[in-house]
Amino acid sequence: MASNRLVCRECHLVNDADAETCSSCASSSLTEDWAGYVVIAHPEESEIATEMQVTEPGAYALKVR
């Protein structure tokens, strides 16, 4: 996962570097200032996904500034 990717400030989904809006929630609030990520494959079975309030599979940033 490249560090130049953009992360949504709303849902924490990691998006491509050329994205203008989040591919999950359509927010235009994207940032390069984030740290750590987790890949969630089965959110319905994941305690981490429940804690992060994630309902869709994908890569999510742990800390977004």
C-alpha atoms as a PDB file:
ATOM      1  CA  MET A   1       0.000   0.000   0.000  1.00  0.00           C
ATOM      2  CA  ALA A   2       1.658   3.198  -1.148  1.00  0.00           C
ATOM      3  CA  SER A   3       1.916   6.108   1.253  1.00  0.00           C
ATOM      4  CA  ASN A   4       0.733   8.559  -1.419  1.00  0.00           C
ATOM      5  CA  ARG A   5      -2.796   7.173  -1.313  1.00  0.00           C
ATOM      6  CA  LEU A   6      -5.594   9.366  -0.016  1.00  0.00           C
ATOM      7  CA  VAL A   7      -7.771   8.501   2.961  1.00  0.00           C
ATOM      8  CA  CYS A   8     -11.327   9.647   3.542  1.00  0.00           C
ATOM      9  CA  ARG A   9     -11.669  11.732   6.716  1.00  0.00           C
ATOM     10  CA  GLU A  10     -15.249  10.503   7.129  1.00  0.00           C
ATOM     11  CA  CYS A  11     -15.067   6.702   6.753  1.00  0.00           C
ATOM     12  CA  HIS A  12     -11.245   6.160   6.774  1.00  0.00           C
ATOM     13  CA  LEU A  13     -11.293   4.143   3.525  1.00  0.00           C
ATOM     14  CA  VAL A  14      -7.956   4.169   1.662  1.00  0.00           C
ATOM     15  CA  ASN A  15      -8.509   5.520  -1.886  1.00  0.00           C
ATOM     16  CA  ASP A  16      -6.267   5.824  -4.953  1.00  0.00           C
ATOM     17  CA  ALA A  17      -3.922   8.828  -5.099  1.00  0.00           C
ATOM     18  CA  ASP A  18      -5.853  10.391  -7.997  1.00  0.00           C
ATOM     19  CA  ALA A  19      -9.293  10.104  -6.349  1.00  0.00           C
ATOM     20  CA  GLU A  20     -11.322  13.281  -5.964  1.00  0.00           C
ATOM     21  CA  THR A  21     -14.049  11.703  -3.825  1.00  0.00           C
ATOM     22  CA  CYS A  22     -14.240   8.650  -1.584  1.00  0.00           C
ATOM     23  CA  SER A  23     -15.285   5.510  -3.453  1.00  0.00           C
ATOM     24  CA  SER A  24     -17.337   4.376  -0.444  1.00  0.00           C
ATOM     25  CA  CYS A  25     -19.140   7.411   0.992  1.00  0.00           C
ATOM     26  CA  ALA A  26     -18.600   9.987  -1.814  1.00  0.00           C
ATOM     27  CA  SER A  27     -17.050  12.515   0.586  1.00  0.00           C
ATOM     28  CA  SER A  28     -14.611  14.978  -0.965  1.00  0.00           C
ATOM     29  CA  SER A  29     -12.704  15.318   2.322  1.00  0.00           C
ATOM     30  CA  LEU A  30      -9.591  13.278   1.499  1.00  0.00           C
ATOM     31  CA  THR A  31      -6.157  13.592   3.085  1.00  0.00           C
ATOM     32  CA  GLU A  32      -2.587  12.321   2.677  1.00  0.00           C
ATOM     33  CA  ASP A  33      -2.018  12.694   6.438  1.00  0.00           C
ATOM     34  CA  TRP A  34      -2.752   9.239   7.843  1.00  0.00           C
ATOM     35  CA  ALA A  35      -0.955   6.395   9.601  1.00  0.00           C
ATOM     36  CA  GLY A  36      -1.416   2.627   9.718  1.00  0.00           C
ATOM     37  CA  TYR A  37      -4.088   0.602   8.002  1.00  0.00           C
ATOM     38  CA  VAL A  38      -6.057  -2.588   8.345  1.00  0.00           C
ATOM     39  CA  VAL A  39      -7.528  -4.721   5.565  1.00  0.00           C
ATOM     40  CA  ILE A  40     -10.988  -5.993   6.400  1.00  0.00           C
ATOM     41  CA  ALA A  41     -12.190  -8.906   4.273  1.00  0.00           C
ATOM     42  CA  HIS A  42     -15.302 -10.016   6.187  1.00  0.00           C
ATOM     43  CA  PRO A  43     -16.677  -7.076   8.166  1.00  0.00           C
ATOM     44  CA  GLU A  44     -19.690  -9.026   9.381  1.00  0.00           C
ATOM     45  CA  GLU A  45     -17.359 -11.450  11.209  1.00  0.00           C
ATOM     46  CA  SER A  46     -14.737  -8.943  12.383  1.00  0.00           C
ATOM     47  CA  GLU A  47     -14.536  -7.450  15.870  1.00  0.00           C
ATOM     48  CA  ILE A  48     -12.220  -4.747  14.517  1.00  0.00           C
ATOM     49  CA  ALA A  49     -14.758  -3.849  11.819  1.00  0.00           C
ATOM     50  CA  THR A  50     -17.471  -3.623  14.468  1.00  0.00           C
ATOM     51  CA  GLU A  51     -15.295  -1.338  16.605  1.00  0.00           C
ATOM     52  CA  MET A  52     -14.466   0.854  13.579  1.00  0.00           C
ATOM     53  CA  GLN A  53     -18.111   0.769  12.386  1.00  0.00           C
ATOM     54  CA  VAL A  54     -17.045  -0.660   9.010  1.00  0.00           C
ATOM     55  CA  THR A  55     -19.659  -2.501   6.949  1.00  0.00           C
ATOM     56  CA  GLU A  56     -17.841  -2.912   3.601  1.00  0.00           C
ATOM     57  CA  PRO A  57     -14.650  -4.897   2.850  1.00  0.00           C
ATOM     58  CA  GLY A  58     -11.561  -2.822   2.073  1.00  0.00           C
ATOM     59  CA  ALA A  59      -8.434  -1.136   3.440  1.00  0.00           C
ATOM     60  CA  TYR A  60      -9.044   1.381   6.220  1.00  0.00           C
ATOM     61  CA  ALA A  61      -6.656   3.832   7.880  1.00  0.00           C
ATOM     62  CA  LEU A  62      -6.245   3.547  11.641  1.00  0.00           C
ATOM     63  CA  LYS A  63      -5.309   7.179  12.278  1.00  0.00           C
ATOM     64  CA  VAL A  64      -6.461  10.077  10.104  1.00  0.00           C
ATOM     65  CA  ARG A  65      -5.386  13.646  10.765  1.00  0.00           C
END
